[in-house]
Amino acid sequence: MPLKSTHTVFCEFQEQVQMAPCSCAIKGFSEQGNMNIISVEDAYRKHKIFQVTHNKESKETTCTCKMFERKGIICKHVIWIISGKRLHSIPEQYIESRWTKKSYRKPLYGLDEKLLQD
């Protein structure tokens, strides 16, 4: 599958952010050790319930919709939970390096594995 442009990915992410408050509702909550398990209802998906798991120590959050694993974009269910936890930035593990300014600063190697450009 070809990589999408950064602009396309940004637009898809922005759509998830905009949809989160109007399509997501918390329907259940439980704690298991350092894990919060939240049931999130998605009004745009025929009121389907997704399970969002949030690790309080590592700040890792996963969703049963698996959008991040499939597309590399955080889903609206996770965004809704992150915003509810009053986290004001996206945890670093969800930021692809190609979306950052640092991606342009990586050294460039040739086929013979010799450094071409630093």
N, C-alpha and C. Protein backbone atom coordinates (compact mmCIF):
# COMPACT_ATOMS: atom_id res chain seq x y z
N MET A 1 0.85 -1.18 0.00
CA MET A 1 0.00 0.00 0.00
C MET A 1 0.90 1.24 0.00
N PRO A 2 0.70 2.15 -0.95
CA PRO A 2 1.54 3.35 -1.02
C PRO A 2 1.28 4.29 0.16
N LEU A 3 2.32 5.02 0.52
CA LEU A 3 2.18 5.99 1.60
C LEU A 3 1.33 7.16 1.14
N LYS A 4 0.48 7.62 2.01
CA LYS A 4 -0.33 8.80 1.72
C LYS A 4 0.50 10.03 2.00
N SER A 5 0.17 11.11 1.33
CA SER A 5 0.90 12.36 1.58
C SER A 5 0.62 12.83 3.00
N THR A 6 1.54 13.59 3.54
CA THR A 6 1.38 14.14 4.88
C THR A 6 0.12 14.98 4.98
N HIS A 7 -0.18 15.73 3.93
CA HIS A 7 -1.38 16.56 3.93
C HIS A 7 -2.65 15.70 4.01
N THR A 8 -2.68 14.60 3.26
CA THR A 8 -3.83 13.70 3.28
C THR A 8 -4.03 13.11 4.66
N VAL A 9 -2.93 12.66 5.27
CA VAL A 9 -2.99 12.08 6.62
C VAL A 9 -3.46 13.13 7.61
N PHE A 10 -2.95 14.35 7.50
CA PHE A 10 -3.37 15.43 8.39
C PHE A 10 -4.87 15.67 8.27
N CYS A 11 -5.39 15.69 7.04
CA CYS A 11 -6.83 15.92 6.84
C CYS A 11 -7.65 14.79 7.45
N GLU A 12 -7.19 13.55 7.33
CA GLU A 12 -7.89 12.42 7.94
C GLU A 12 -7.87 12.52 9.47
N PHE A 13 -6.73 12.91 10.01
CA PHE A 13 -6.61 13.09 11.47
C PHE A 13 -7.52 14.23 11.93
N GLN A 14 -7.49 15.33 11.20
CA GLN A 14 -8.32 16.49 11.55
C GLN A 14 -9.81 16.11 11.55
N GLU A 15 -10.20 15.27 10.62
CA GLU A 15 -11.59 14.81 10.56
C GLU A 15 -11.94 14.00 11.82
N GLN A 16 -11.01 13.16 12.28
CA GLN A 16 -11.24 12.39 13.50
C GLN A 16 -11.39 13.31 14.71
N VAL A 17 -10.55 14.34 14.78
CA VAL A 17 -10.62 15.30 15.89
C VAL A 17 -11.96 16.03 15.88
N GLN A 18 -12.41 16.44 14.71
CA GLN A 18 -13.67 17.17 14.61
C GLN A 18 -14.87 16.29 14.92
N MET A 19 -14.81 15.00 14.59
CA MET A 19 -15.93 14.09 14.79
C MET A 19 -16.03 13.59 16.24
N ALA A 20 -14.93 13.59 16.97
CA ALA A 20 -14.92 13.00 18.31
C ALA A 20 -16.00 13.55 19.24
N PRO A 21 -16.12 14.87 19.41
CA PRO A 21 -17.10 15.35 20.38
C PRO A 21 -18.56 15.14 19.98
N CYS A 22 -18.84 15.06 18.69
CA CYS A 22 -20.24 14.92 18.28
C CYS A 22 -20.66 13.49 17.99
N SER A 23 -19.71 12.56 17.94
CA SER A 23 -20.11 11.19 17.62
C SER A 23 -19.80 10.19 18.74
N CYS A 24 -19.01 10.58 19.73
CA CYS A 24 -18.59 9.64 20.77
C CYS A 24 -19.27 9.94 22.10
N ALA A 25 -19.63 8.86 22.79
CA ALA A 25 -20.21 8.99 24.13
C ALA A 25 -19.69 7.83 24.98
N ILE A 26 -19.33 8.12 26.21
CA ILE A 26 -18.84 7.08 27.11
C ILE A 26 -20.05 6.32 27.65
N LYS A 27 -20.01 4.99 27.50
CA LYS A 27 -21.12 4.15 27.93
C LYS A 27 -20.74 3.25 29.10
N GLY A 28 -19.46 3.16 29.41
CA GLY A 28 -19.05 2.32 30.53
C GLY A 28 -17.59 2.56 30.87
N PHE A 29 -17.24 2.23 32.10
CA PHE A 29 -15.88 2.46 32.58
C PHE A 29 -15.54 1.40 33.63
N SER A 30 -14.33 0.86 33.54
CA SER A 30 -13.84 -0.03 34.59
C SER A 30 -12.34 0.13 34.72
N GLU A 31 -11.82 -0.27 35.87
CA GLU A 31 -10.38 -0.21 36.14
C GLU A 31 -9.87 -1.60 36.44
N GLN A 32 -8.72 -1.93 35.88
CA GLN A 32 -8.04 -3.18 36.18
C GLN A 32 -6.57 -2.85 36.39
N GLY A 33 -6.16 -2.70 37.63
CA GLY A 33 -4.79 -2.30 37.94
C GLY A 33 -4.53 -0.90 37.43
N ASN A 34 -3.51 -0.76 36.58
CA ASN A 34 -3.18 0.55 36.03
C ASN A 34 -3.87 0.82 34.69
N MET A 35 -4.86 -0.01 34.36
CA MET A 35 -5.57 0.11 33.09
C MET A 35 -6.99 0.63 33.31
N ASN A 36 -7.36 1.60 32.51
CA ASN A 36 -8.76 2.05 32.43
C ASN A 36 -9.34 1.44 31.17
N ILE A 37 -10.51 0.85 31.27
CA ILE A 37 -11.20 0.29 30.11
C ILE A 37 -12.51 1.06 29.95
N ILE A 38 -12.61 1.75 28.83
CA ILE A 38 -13.75 2.63 28.61
C ILE A 38 -14.54 2.13 27.39
N SER A 39 -15.83 2.00 27.54
CA SER A 39 -16.71 1.66 26.42
C SER A 39 -17.18 2.96 25.79
N VAL A 40 -16.91 3.11 24.49
CA VAL A 40 -17.26 4.33 23.78
C VAL A 40 -18.25 3.98 22.67
N GLU A 41 -19.38 4.65 22.70
CA GLU A 41 -20.39 4.45 21.66
C GLU A 41 -20.13 5.43 20.53
N ASP A 42 -20.20 4.93 19.30
CA ASP A 42 -19.96 5.75 18.12
C ASP A 42 -21.28 5.95 17.38
N ALA A 43 -21.84 7.14 17.44
CA ALA A 43 -23.13 7.44 16.82
C ALA A 43 -23.07 7.34 15.30
N TYR A 44 -21.92 7.61 14.70
CA TYR A 44 -21.80 7.56 13.25
C TYR A 44 -21.66 6.14 12.72
N ARG A 45 -21.41 5.20 13.59
CA ARG A 45 -21.27 3.80 13.17
C ARG A 45 -22.39 2.96 13.75
N LYS A 46 -23.60 3.45 13.61
CA LYS A 46 -24.82 2.77 14.05
C LYS A 46 -24.76 2.42 15.53
N HIS A 47 -24.21 3.34 16.31
CA HIS A 47 -24.13 3.23 17.77
C HIS A 47 -23.34 2.01 18.23
N LYS A 48 -22.36 1.63 17.44
CA LYS A 48 -21.50 0.50 17.81
C LYS A 48 -20.64 0.90 19.01
N ILE A 49 -20.35 -0.06 19.88
CA ILE A 49 -19.54 0.19 21.07
C ILE A 49 -18.12 -0.30 20.82
N PHE A 50 -17.13 0.56 21.09
CA PHE A 50 -15.73 0.22 20.99
C PHE A 50 -15.10 0.27 22.37
N GLN A 51 -14.15 -0.61 22.63
CA GLN A 51 -13.45 -0.64 23.91
C GLN A 51 -12.12 0.11 23.75
N VAL A 52 -11.95 1.14 24.55
CA VAL A 52 -10.70 1.90 24.56
C VAL A 52 -9.99 1.58 25.87
N THR A 53 -8.75 1.14 25.76
CA THR A 53 -7.96 0.79 26.93
C THR A 53 -6.85 1.82 27.10
N HIS A 54 -6.77 2.40 28.29
CA HIS A 54 -5.79 3.45 28.57
C HIS A 54 -4.90 3.00 29.73
N ASN A 55 -3.60 2.92 29.48
CA ASN A 55 -2.62 2.58 30.51
C ASN A 55 -2.21 3.88 31.20
N LYS A 56 -2.50 3.98 32.50
CA LYS A 56 -2.24 5.23 33.22
C LYS A 56 -0.76 5.53 33.37
N GLU A 57 0.09 4.50 33.39
CA GLU A 57 1.53 4.72 33.54
C GLU A 57 2.19 5.12 32.23
N SER A 58 2.00 4.32 31.19
CA SER A 58 2.67 4.58 29.92
C SER A 58 1.92 5.56 29.02
N LYS A 59 0.67 5.87 29.39
CA LYS A 59 -0.21 6.75 28.61
C LYS A 59 -0.59 6.12 27.26
N GLU A 60 -0.31 4.83 27.09
CA GLU A 60 -0.68 4.13 25.86
C GLU A 60 -2.18 3.88 25.86
N THR A 61 -2.80 4.18 24.73
CA THR A 61 -4.24 4.02 24.59
C THR A 61 -4.51 3.26 23.30
N THR A 62 -5.32 2.22 23.41
CA THR A 62 -5.66 1.43 22.23
C THR A 62 -7.18 1.35 22.10
N CYS A 63 -7.63 1.06 20.88
CA CYS A 63 -9.07 0.97 20.61
C CYS A 63 -9.33 -0.29 19.79
N THR A 64 -10.48 -0.89 20.03
CA THR A 64 -10.82 -2.10 19.29
C THR A 64 -11.15 -1.83 17.82
N CYS A 65 -11.32 -0.57 17.41
CA CYS A 65 -11.52 -0.28 15.99
C CYS A 65 -10.22 -0.46 15.19
N LYS A 66 -9.08 -0.41 15.88
CA LYS A 66 -7.75 -0.66 15.29
C LYS A 66 -7.37 0.31 14.16
N MET A 67 -7.90 1.52 14.20
CA MET A 67 -7.58 2.49 13.16
C MET A 67 -6.09 2.85 13.17
N PHE A 68 -5.51 3.02 14.36
CA PHE A 68 -4.09 3.38 14.41
C PHE A 68 -3.24 2.26 13.83
N GLU A 69 -3.58 1.03 14.13
CA GLU A 69 -2.81 -0.10 13.62
C GLU A 69 -2.97 -0.25 12.11
N ARG A 70 -4.16 0.07 11.58
CA ARG A 70 -4.42 -0.06 10.14
C ARG A 70 -3.93 1.12 9.33
N LYS A 71 -4.16 2.34 9.83
CA LYS A 71 -3.88 3.54 9.04
C LYS A 71 -2.79 4.44 9.61
N GLY A 72 -2.41 4.21 10.87
CA GLY A 72 -1.42 5.08 11.49
C GLY A 72 -2.01 6.40 11.95
N ILE A 73 -3.35 6.44 12.09
CA ILE A 73 -4.05 7.65 12.51
C ILE A 73 -4.84 7.32 13.77
N ILE A 74 -4.74 8.15 14.78
CA ILE A 74 -5.50 7.93 16.01
C ILE A 74 -6.99 8.12 15.70
N CYS A 75 -7.80 7.20 16.17
CA CYS A 75 -9.24 7.28 15.93
C CYS A 75 -9.92 8.28 16.86
N LYS A 76 -11.13 8.65 16.49
CA LYS A 76 -11.91 9.60 17.28
C LYS A 76 -12.22 9.07 18.67
N HIS A 77 -12.29 7.74 18.83
CA HIS A 77 -12.58 7.15 20.15
C HIS A 77 -11.43 7.43 21.11
N VAL A 78 -10.20 7.23 20.63
CA VAL A 78 -9.00 7.50 21.45
C VAL A 78 -8.86 9.00 21.68
N ILE A 79 -9.10 9.80 20.66
CA ILE A 79 -9.02 11.26 20.82
C ILE A 79 -10.00 11.72 21.89
N TRP A 80 -11.20 11.16 21.90
CA TRP A 80 -12.22 11.52 22.88
C TRP A 80 -11.73 11.20 24.29
N ILE A 81 -11.11 10.04 24.47
CA ILE A 81 -10.61 9.63 25.79
C ILE A 81 -9.41 10.48 26.20
N ILE A 82 -8.49 10.72 25.27
CA ILE A 82 -7.32 11.55 25.57
C ILE A 82 -7.77 12.95 25.99
N SER A 83 -8.74 13.52 25.28
CA SER A 83 -9.19 14.87 25.65
C SER A 83 -9.92 14.84 26.99
N GLY A 84 -10.63 13.78 27.28
CA GLY A 84 -11.31 13.64 28.57
C GLY A 84 -10.35 13.49 29.73
N LYS A 85 -9.15 12.95 29.44
CA LYS A 85 -8.11 12.81 30.46
C LYS A 85 -7.33 14.10 30.63
N ARG A 86 -7.73 15.11 29.89
CA ARG A 86 -7.11 16.44 29.93
C ARG A 86 -5.63 16.40 29.53
N LEU A 87 -5.29 15.49 28.62
CA LEU A 87 -3.96 15.48 28.05
C LEU A 87 -3.97 16.50 26.92
N HIS A 88 -3.06 17.44 26.94
CA HIS A 88 -3.09 18.54 25.98
C HIS A 88 -2.19 18.31 24.78
N SER A 89 -1.60 17.14 24.71
CA SER A 89 -0.80 16.81 23.53
C SER A 89 -0.95 15.32 23.26
N ILE A 90 -0.67 14.96 22.05
CA ILE A 90 -0.75 13.55 21.66
C ILE A 90 0.49 12.85 22.19
N PRO A 91 0.33 11.73 22.88
CA PRO A 91 1.50 10.98 23.35
C PRO A 91 2.45 10.67 22.19
N GLU A 92 3.72 10.76 22.45
CA GLU A 92 4.73 10.67 21.40
C GLU A 92 4.69 9.37 20.61
N GLN A 93 4.27 8.27 21.24
CA GLN A 93 4.25 6.99 20.52
C GLN A 93 3.25 6.97 19.36
N TYR A 94 2.37 7.97 19.28
CA TYR A 94 1.39 8.04 18.20
C TYR A 94 1.78 9.02 17.10
N ILE A 95 2.96 9.60 17.20
CA ILE A 95 3.41 10.57 16.20
C ILE A 95 4.45 9.89 15.31
N GLU A 96 4.09 9.68 14.06
CA GLU A 96 5.00 9.08 13.09
C GLU A 96 6.15 10.04 12.81
N SER A 97 7.36 9.51 12.67
CA SER A 97 8.52 10.39 12.46
C SER A 97 8.41 11.17 11.16
N ARG A 98 7.73 10.63 10.16
CA ARG A 98 7.62 11.35 8.88
C ARG A 98 6.75 12.60 8.98
N TRP A 99 6.01 12.76 10.09
CA TRP A 99 5.18 13.94 10.28
C TRP A 99 5.94 15.07 10.95
N THR A 100 7.16 14.84 11.36
CA THR A 100 7.90 15.83 12.12
C THR A 100 9.01 16.47 11.28
N LYS A 101 9.51 17.59 11.76
CA LYS A 101 10.62 18.25 11.07
C LYS A 101 11.88 17.41 11.14
N LYS A 102 12.01 16.56 12.15
CA LYS A 102 13.19 15.72 12.31
C LYS A 102 13.35 14.72 11.17
N SER A 103 12.28 14.39 10.47
CA SER A 103 12.36 13.39 9.40
C SER A 103 13.29 13.84 8.29
N TYR A 104 13.43 15.14 8.10
CA TYR A 104 14.32 15.66 7.06
C TYR A 104 15.77 15.68 7.50
N ARG A 105 16.04 15.44 8.74
CA ARG A 105 17.40 15.54 9.26
C ARG A 105 18.11 14.19 9.37
N LYS A 106 17.49 13.14 8.86
CA LYS A 106 18.11 11.82 8.92
C LYS A 106 19.22 11.74 7.88
N PRO A 107 20.31 11.04 8.20
CA PRO A 107 21.39 10.89 7.22
C PRO A 107 20.92 10.07 6.02
N LEU A 108 21.50 10.31 4.87
CA LEU A 108 21.15 9.62 3.63
C LEU A 108 22.29 8.69 3.26
N TYR A 109 21.95 7.41 3.03
CA TYR A 109 22.95 6.40 2.71
C TYR A 109 22.73 5.89 1.30
N GLY A 110 23.84 5.54 0.61
CA GLY A 110 23.77 4.96 -0.73
C GLY A 110 23.57 3.46 -0.67
N LEU A 111 23.52 2.82 -1.83
CA LEU A 111 23.32 1.37 -1.89
C LEU A 111 24.47 0.61 -1.25
N ASP A 112 25.67 1.21 -1.27
CA ASP A 112 26.84 0.57 -0.66
C ASP A 112 26.93 0.87 0.83
N GLU A 113 25.86 1.46 1.38
CA GLU A 113 25.74 1.80 2.81
C GLU A 113 26.74 2.85 3.27
N LYS A 114 27.31 3.61 2.33
CA LYS A 114 28.17 4.72 2.68
C LYS A 114 27.34 5.97 2.83
N LEU A 115 27.73 6.80 3.79
CA LEU A 115 27.02 8.02 4.06
C LEU A 115 27.17 8.98 2.88
N LEU A 116 26.03 9.38 2.28
CA LEU A 116 26.03 10.31 1.15
C LEU A 116 25.89 11.75 1.61
N GLN A 117 25.06 11.91 2.63
CA GLN A 117 24.72 13.25 3.06
C GLN A 117 24.36 13.19 4.53
N ASP A 118 24.79 14.18 5.29
CA ASP A 118 24.48 14.22 6.72
C ASP A 118 23.59 15.36 7.05
